[in-house]
């Protein structure tokens, strides 16, 4: 209970402030928008890494992570993607470990866990669609900064007749590295912790 009171207080402050992001909060939101545009322009470069492969006939399961290729991908991120830093690479490494454990736990699974959607833009749609989705001027943007960490919350635009509680949310964590805000992970849907599905 004690942990939820400060969180609720932070969220309340963020809700009141969301309409008017301060300069630092705007910078965080803009970093994410810039990442999406960079990814759109460089989608082929992101997708050139064979991060996983199948050991069966015609690359069929069972799958495994190609760790040498993953290290090349991490080197690409460090050299060429200014919107992410070491926290992002650490998160990617953890996602790959999780996927690898899923591959081992279910070697017959046809869908490669963690790679069955656009990992960087966070959806099943093309980057052209997701950029419009995340940058829609009708969206609600909240940025919660706690020390050297921040969370960008993106509330989807409401359709006519929708209530504010019908809004779906996505989140992007950030961390301040060497004085600059960097994405600490990809964009993901935000799930209600109280939800019975979780």
C-alpha atoms as a PDB file:
ATOM      1  CA  UNK A   1       0.000   0.000   0.000  1.00  0.00           C
ATOM      2  CA  UNK A   2       2.808   2.404   0.904  1.00  0.00           C
ATOM      3  CA  UNK A   3       4.404   1.856  -2.511  1.00  0.00           C
ATOM      4  CA  UNK A   4       1.191   2.608  -4.398  1.00  0.00           C
ATOM      5  CA  UNK A   5       0.569   5.980  -2.716  1.00  0.00           C
ATOM      6  CA  UNK A   6       3.742   7.618  -4.177  1.00  0.00           C
ATOM      7  CA  UNK A   7       3.022   6.033  -7.559  1.00  0.00           C
ATOM      8  CA  UNK A   8      -0.554   7.343  -7.533  1.00  0.00           C
ATOM      9  CA  UNK A   9       0.728  10.767  -6.510  1.00  0.00           C
ATOM     10  CA  UNK A  10       3.234  10.759  -9.397  1.00  0.00           C
ATOM     11  CA  UNK A  11       0.545   9.705 -11.850  1.00  0.00           C
ATOM     12  CA  UNK A  12      -1.812  12.396 -10.558  1.00  0.00           C
ATOM     13  CA  UNK A  13       0.873  15.056 -11.019  1.00  0.00           C
ATOM     14  CA  UNK A  14       1.587  13.685 -14.511  1.00  0.00           C
ATOM     15  CA  UNK A  15      -2.110  13.763 -15.448  1.00  0.00           C
ATOM     16  CA  UNK A  16      -2.443  17.415 -14.473  1.00  0.00           C
ATOM     17  CA  UNK A  17       0.806  18.273 -16.249  1.00  0.00           C
ATOM     18  CA  UNK A  18       0.222  16.181 -19.395  1.00  0.00           C
ATOM     19  CA  UNK A  19      -1.446  18.982 -21.312  1.00  0.00           C
ATOM     20  CA  UNK A  20       1.620  21.139 -20.869  1.00  0.00           C
ATOM     21  CA  UNK A  21       4.822  19.171 -20.978  1.00  0.00           C
ATOM     22  CA  UNK A  22       7.832  21.104 -19.742  1.00  0.00           C
ATOM     23  CA  UNK A  23      10.944  21.423 -21.902  1.00  0.00           C
ATOM     24  CA  UNK A  24      12.606  18.266 -20.564  1.00  0.00           C
ATOM     25  CA  UNK A  25       9.413  16.229 -20.970  1.00  0.00           C
ATOM     26  CA  UNK A  26       9.015  17.519 -24.530  1.00  0.00           C
ATOM     27  CA  UNK A  27      12.615  16.496 -25.220  1.00  0.00           C
ATOM     28  CA  UNK A  28      11.852  12.939 -24.065  1.00  0.00           C
ATOM     29  CA  UNK A  29       8.746  12.732 -26.254  1.00  0.00           C
ATOM     30  CA  UNK A  30      10.671  14.171 -29.207  1.00  0.00           C
ATOM     31  CA  UNK A  31      13.456  11.612 -28.733  1.00  0.00           C
ATOM     32  CA  UNK A  32      10.903   8.848 -29.209  1.00  0.00           C
ATOM     33  CA  UNK A  33       9.390  10.568 -32.271  1.00  0.00           C
ATOM     34  CA  UNK A  34      12.895  11.020 -33.717  1.00  0.00           C
ATOM     35  CA  UNK A  35      13.666   7.346 -33.100  1.00  0.00           C
ATOM     36  CA  UNK A  36      10.522   6.336 -35.023  1.00  0.00           C
ATOM     37  CA  UNK A  37      11.483   8.537 -37.979  1.00  0.00           C
ATOM     38  CA  UNK A  38      15.053   7.230 -37.881  1.00  0.00           C
ATOM     39  CA  UNK A  39      13.745   3.658 -37.818  1.00  0.00           C
ATOM     40  CA  UNK A  40      11.395   4.380 -40.732  1.00  0.00           C
ATOM     41  CA  UNK A  41      14.317   5.693 -42.765  1.00  0.00           C
ATOM     42  CA  UNK A  42      16.650   2.848 -41.697  1.00  0.00           C
ATOM     43  CA  UNK A  43      14.221  -0.077 -41.405  1.00  0.00           C
ATOM     44  CA  UNK A  44      16.320  -2.201 -43.759  1.00  0.00           C
ATOM     45  CA  UNK A  45      19.415  -1.670 -41.600  1.00  0.00           C
ATOM     46  CA  UNK A  46      17.548  -2.728 -38.429  1.00  0.00           C
ATOM     47  CA  UNK A  47      16.159  -5.813 -40.137  1.00  0.00           C
ATOM     48  CA  UNK A  48      19.414  -6.960 -41.759  1.00  0.00           C
ATOM     49  CA  UNK A  49      20.501  -8.775 -38.601  1.00  0.00           C
ATOM     50  CA  UNK A  50      19.578 -12.451 -38.423  1.00  0.00           C
ATOM     51  CA  UNK A  51      18.955 -12.350 -34.695  1.00  0.00           C
ATOM     52  CA  UNK A  52      17.417 -15.822 -34.601  1.00  0.00           C
ATOM     53  CA  UNK A  53      17.293 -18.826 -36.888  1.00  0.00           C
ATOM     54  CA  UNK A  54      15.716 -22.232 -37.094  1.00  0.00           C
ATOM     55  CA  UNK A  55      17.761 -25.410 -37.021  1.00  0.00           C
ATOM     56  CA  UNK A  56      15.121 -27.428 -38.837  1.00  0.00           C
ATOM     57  CA  UNK A  57      14.650 -27.847 -42.583  1.00  0.00           C
ATOM     58  CA  UNK A  58      14.259 -24.477 -44.382  1.00  0.00           C
ATOM     59  CA  UNK A  59      14.975 -22.545 -41.152  1.00  0.00           C
ATOM     60  CA  UNK A  60      12.038 -24.230 -39.400  1.00  0.00           C
ATOM     61  CA  UNK A  61      11.942 -24.673 -35.595  1.00  0.00           C
ATOM     62  CA  UNK A  62      13.493 -25.278 -33.223  1.00  0.00           C
ATOM     63  CA  UNK A  63      14.749 -21.702 -33.115  1.00  0.00           C
ATOM     64  CA  UNK A  64      17.724 -20.222 -31.305  1.00  0.00           C
ATOM     65  CA  UNK A  65      19.214 -16.750 -30.858  1.00  0.00           C
ATOM     66  CA  UNK A  66      22.278 -16.040 -32.999  1.00  0.00           C
ATOM     67  CA  UNK A  67      24.383 -14.399 -30.296  1.00  0.00           C
ATOM     68  CA  UNK A  68      27.277 -13.423 -32.608  1.00  0.00           C
ATOM     69  CA  UNK A  69      24.787 -11.631 -34.845  1.00  0.00           C
ATOM     70  CA  UNK A  70      23.191 -10.035 -31.788  1.00  0.00           C
ATOM     71  CA  UNK A  71      26.586  -8.558 -30.842  1.00  0.00           C
ATOM     72  CA  UNK A  72      26.854  -7.059 -34.350  1.00  0.00           C
ATOM     73  CA  UNK A  73      23.386  -5.587 -33.857  1.00  0.00           C
ATOM     74  CA  UNK A  74      24.437  -4.083 -30.495  1.00  0.00           C
ATOM     75  CA  UNK A  75      27.518  -2.574 -32.179  1.00  0.00           C
ATOM     76  CA  UNK A  76      25.222  -1.063 -34.844  1.00  0.00           C
ATOM     77  CA  UNK A  77      23.034   0.469 -32.129  1.00  0.00           C
ATOM     78  CA  UNK A  78      26.051   1.982 -30.358  1.00  0.00           C
ATOM     79  CA  UNK A  79      27.507   3.422 -33.549  1.00  0.00           C
ATOM     80  CA  UNK A  80      24.464   4.459 -35.565  1.00  0.00           C
ATOM     81  CA  UNK A  81      21.373   4.967 -33.380  1.00  0.00           C
ATOM     82  CA  UNK A  82      21.752   8.096 -31.219  1.00  0.00           C
ATOM     83  CA  UNK A  83      18.362   7.706 -29.505  1.00  0.00           C
ATOM     84  CA  UNK A  84      19.330   4.576 -27.550  1.00  0.00           C
ATOM     85  CA  UNK A  85      22.135   3.760 -25.152  1.00  0.00           C
ATOM     86  CA  UNK A  86      23.488   1.013 -22.937  1.00  0.00           C
ATOM     87  CA  UNK A  87      20.233   0.584 -20.988  1.00  0.00           C
ATOM     88  CA  UNK A  88      18.460  -0.121 -24.278  1.00  0.00           C
ATOM     89  CA  UNK A  89      21.078  -2.693 -25.265  1.00  0.00           C
ATOM     90  CA  UNK A  90      20.771  -4.346 -21.841  1.00  0.00           C
ATOM     91  CA  UNK A  91      16.981  -4.546 -22.327  1.00  0.00           C
ATOM     92  CA  UNK A  92      17.415  -6.022 -25.817  1.00  0.00           C
ATOM     93  CA  UNK A  93      19.835  -8.621 -24.467  1.00  0.00           C
ATOM     94  CA  UNK A  94      17.237  -9.596 -21.824  1.00  0.00           C
ATOM     95  CA  UNK A  95      14.494  -9.855 -24.457  1.00  0.00           C
ATOM     96  CA  UNK A  96      16.727 -12.137 -26.525  1.00  0.00           C
ATOM     97  CA  UNK A  97      17.489 -14.328 -23.480  1.00  0.00           C
ATOM     98  CA  UNK A  98      13.774 -14.604 -22.800  1.00  0.00           C
ATOM     99  CA  UNK A  99      13.067 -15.524 -26.438  1.00  0.00           C
ATOM    100  CA  UNK A 100      15.860 -18.103 -26.336  1.00  0.00           C
ATOM    101  CA  UNK A 101      14.309 -19.648 -23.203  1.00  0.00           C
ATOM    102  CA  UNK A 102      10.922 -19.774 -24.976  1.00  0.00           C
ATOM    103  CA  UNK A 103      12.537 -21.470 -27.971  1.00  0.00           C
ATOM    104  CA  UNK A 104      14.045 -24.122 -25.678  1.00  0.00           C
ATOM    105  CA  UNK A 105      10.849 -24.592 -23.679  1.00  0.00           C
ATOM    106  CA  UNK A 106       8.730 -25.134 -26.805  1.00  0.00           C
ATOM    107  CA  UNK A 107      10.976 -26.325 -29.653  1.00  0.00           C
ATOM    108  CA  UNK A 108       7.990 -27.136 -31.897  1.00  0.00           C
ATOM    109  CA  UNK A 109       6.469 -23.621 -31.764  1.00  0.00           C
ATOM    110  CA  UNK A 110       6.150 -22.199 -35.272  1.00  0.00           C
ATOM    111  CA  UNK A 111       6.053 -18.527 -34.239  1.00  0.00           C
ATOM    112  CA  UNK A 112       9.413 -17.198 -33.002  1.00  0.00           C
ATOM    113  CA  UNK A 113       8.558 -15.689 -29.603  1.00  0.00           C
ATOM    114  CA  UNK A 114       9.614 -12.058 -29.410  1.00  0.00           C
ATOM    115  CA  UNK A 115      10.084 -11.762 -33.171  1.00  0.00           C
ATOM    116  CA  UNK A 116       6.517 -12.273 -34.348  1.00  0.00           C
ATOM    117  CA  UNK A 117       5.838  -8.509 -34.544  1.00  0.00           C
ATOM    118  CA  UNK A 118       7.752  -5.342 -35.354  1.00  0.00           C
ATOM    119  CA  UNK A 119       9.913  -5.195 -32.248  1.00  0.00           C
ATOM    120  CA  UNK A 120      11.099  -1.602 -32.713  1.00  0.00           C
ATOM    121  CA  UNK A 121       7.781   0.044 -33.534  1.00  0.00           C
ATOM    122  CA  UNK A 122       5.800  -2.183 -31.197  1.00  0.00           C
ATOM    123  CA  UNK A 123       3.060  -3.554 -33.436  1.00  0.00           C
ATOM    124  CA  UNK A 124       1.891  -5.801 -36.213  1.00  0.00           C
ATOM    125  CA  UNK A 125       1.529  -2.901 -38.644  1.00  0.00           C
ATOM    126  CA  UNK A 126       4.091  -1.182 -40.855  1.00  0.00           C
ATOM    127  CA  UNK A 127       6.245   1.610 -39.460  1.00  0.00           C
ATOM    128  CA  UNK A 128       4.332   4.087 -41.656  1.00  0.00           C
ATOM    129  CA  UNK A 129       1.146   3.206 -39.781  1.00  0.00           C
ATOM    130  CA  UNK A 130       2.699   3.088 -36.316  1.00  0.00           C
ATOM    131  CA  UNK A 131       4.360   6.497 -36.699  1.00  0.00           C
ATOM    132  CA  UNK A 132       0.927   7.989 -37.392  1.00  0.00           C
ATOM    133  CA  UNK A 133      -0.494   6.052 -34.427  1.00  0.00           C
ATOM    134  CA  UNK A 134       2.095   7.195 -31.878  1.00  0.00           C
ATOM    135  CA  UNK A 135       2.420  10.794 -33.120  1.00  0.00           C
ATOM    136  CA  UNK A 136      -1.292  11.502 -33.605  1.00  0.00           C
ATOM    137  CA  UNK A 137      -1.918  15.068 -32.344  1.00  0.00           C
ATOM    138  CA  UNK A 138      -5.098  13.777 -30.647  1.00  0.00           C
ATOM    139  CA  UNK A 139      -3.035  11.477 -28.427  1.00  0.00           C
ATOM    140  CA  UNK A 140      -2.386  12.260 -24.795  1.00  0.00           C
ATOM    141  CA  UNK A 141       1.275  12.343 -23.733  1.00  0.00           C
ATOM    142  CA  UNK A 142       2.514  12.065 -20.174  1.00  0.00           C
ATOM    143  CA  UNK A 143       6.126  12.007 -19.051  1.00  0.00           C
ATOM    144  CA  UNK A 144       6.991  10.941 -15.521  1.00  0.00           C
ATOM    145  CA  UNK A 145      10.575  11.747 -14.533  1.00  0.00           C
ATOM    146  CA  UNK A 146      12.114  10.168 -11.443  1.00  0.00           C
ATOM    147  CA  UNK A 147      15.778  11.031 -11.060  1.00  0.00           C
ATOM    148  CA  UNK A 148      17.664   9.720 -14.089  1.00  0.00           C
ATOM    149  CA  UNK A 149      14.735   7.580 -15.271  1.00  0.00           C
ATOM    150  CA  UNK A 150      11.592   8.594 -17.098  1.00  0.00           C
ATOM    151  CA  UNK A 151       8.504   6.982 -18.547  1.00  0.00           C
ATOM    152  CA  UNK A 152       6.779   8.303 -21.653  1.00  0.00           C
ATOM    153  CA  UNK A 153       3.105   7.307 -21.635  1.00  0.00           C
ATOM    154  CA  UNK A 154       1.195   7.601 -24.900  1.00  0.00           C
ATOM    155  CA  UNK A 155      -2.582   7.543 -24.637  1.00  0.00           C
ATOM    156  CA  UNK A 156      -4.298   6.763 -27.916  1.00  0.00           C
ATOM    157  CA  UNK A 157      -6.775   9.210 -29.406  1.00  0.00           C
ATOM    158  CA  UNK A 158     -10.351   8.589 -28.356  1.00  0.00           C
ATOM    159  CA  UNK A 159     -13.094   7.830 -30.845  1.00  0.00           C
ATOM    160  CA  UNK A 160     -16.398   9.709 -30.611  1.00  0.00           C
ATOM    161  CA  UNK A 161     -18.387   8.294 -27.723  1.00  0.00           C
ATOM    162  CA  UNK A 162     -15.338   6.848 -25.932  1.00  0.00           C
ATOM    163  CA  UNK A 163     -14.732   7.676 -22.295  1.00  0.00           C
ATOM    164  CA  UNK A 164     -11.268   8.625 -20.989  1.00  0.00           C
ATOM    165  CA  UNK A 165     -11.002   5.224 -19.299  1.00  0.00           C
ATOM    166  CA  UNK A 166     -11.371   3.594 -22.752  1.00  0.00           C
ATOM    167  CA  UNK A 167      -8.041   5.080 -23.826  1.00  0.00           C
ATOM    168  CA  UNK A 168      -5.301   2.507 -24.505  1.00  0.00           C
ATOM    169  CA  UNK A 169      -1.790   3.346 -23.334  1.00  0.00           C
ATOM    170  CA  UNK A 170       1.682   2.508 -24.551  1.00  0.00           C
ATOM    171  CA  UNK A 171       4.879   3.176 -22.642  1.00  0.00           C
ATOM    172  CA  UNK A 172       8.501   3.867 -23.482  1.00  0.00           C
ATOM    173  CA  UNK A 173      11.059   3.856 -20.652  1.00  0.00           C
ATOM    174  CA  UNK A 174      13.950   6.317 -20.756  1.00  0.00           C
ATOM    175  CA  UNK A 175      17.189   6.746 -18.848  1.00  0.00           C
ATOM    176  CA  UNK A 176      19.608   9.661 -18.733  1.00  0.00           C
ATOM    177  CA  UNK A 177      23.017   8.540 -19.994  1.00  0.00           C
ATOM    178  CA  UNK A 178      25.930  10.957 -20.184  1.00  0.00           C
ATOM    179  CA  UNK A 179      23.533  13.875 -19.681  1.00  0.00           C
ATOM    180  CA  UNK A 180      21.121  12.890 -22.489  1.00  0.00           C
ATOM    181  CA  UNK A 181      17.764  11.158 -22.379  1.00  0.00           C
ATOM    182  CA  UNK A 182      17.916   7.829 -24.226  1.00  0.00           C
ATOM    183  CA  UNK A 183      15.303   5.175 -24.803  1.00  0.00           C
ATOM    184  CA  UNK A 184      15.822   2.315 -22.356  1.00  0.00           C
ATOM    185  CA  UNK A 185      13.567  -0.122 -24.231  1.00  0.00           C
ATOM    186  CA  UNK A 186      11.125  -0.307 -27.121  1.00  0.00           C
ATOM    187  CA  UNK A 187       7.512   0.873 -26.981  1.00  0.00           C
ATOM    188  CA  UNK A 188       5.085  -1.610 -25.410  1.00  0.00           C
ATOM    189  CA  UNK A 189       1.398  -1.629 -24.460  1.00  0.00           C
ATOM    190  CA  UNK A 190       0.793  -0.664 -20.860  1.00  0.00           C
ATOM    191  CA  UNK A 191      -1.189  -3.252 -18.963  1.00  0.00           C
ATOM    192  CA  UNK A 192      -3.293  -2.530 -15.900  1.00  0.00           C
ATOM    193  CA  UNK A 193      -1.684  -4.295 -12.929  1.00  0.00           C
ATOM    194  CA  UNK A 194      -5.136  -4.826 -11.440  1.00  0.00           C
ATOM    195  CA  UNK A 195      -6.316  -6.611 -14.594  1.00  0.00           C
ATOM    196  CA  UNK A 196      -7.337 -10.259 -14.050  1.00  0.00           C
ATOM    197  CA  UNK A 197      -5.421 -11.274 -17.201  1.00  0.00           C
ATOM    198  CA  UNK A 198      -2.077 -10.379 -15.582  1.00  0.00           C
END
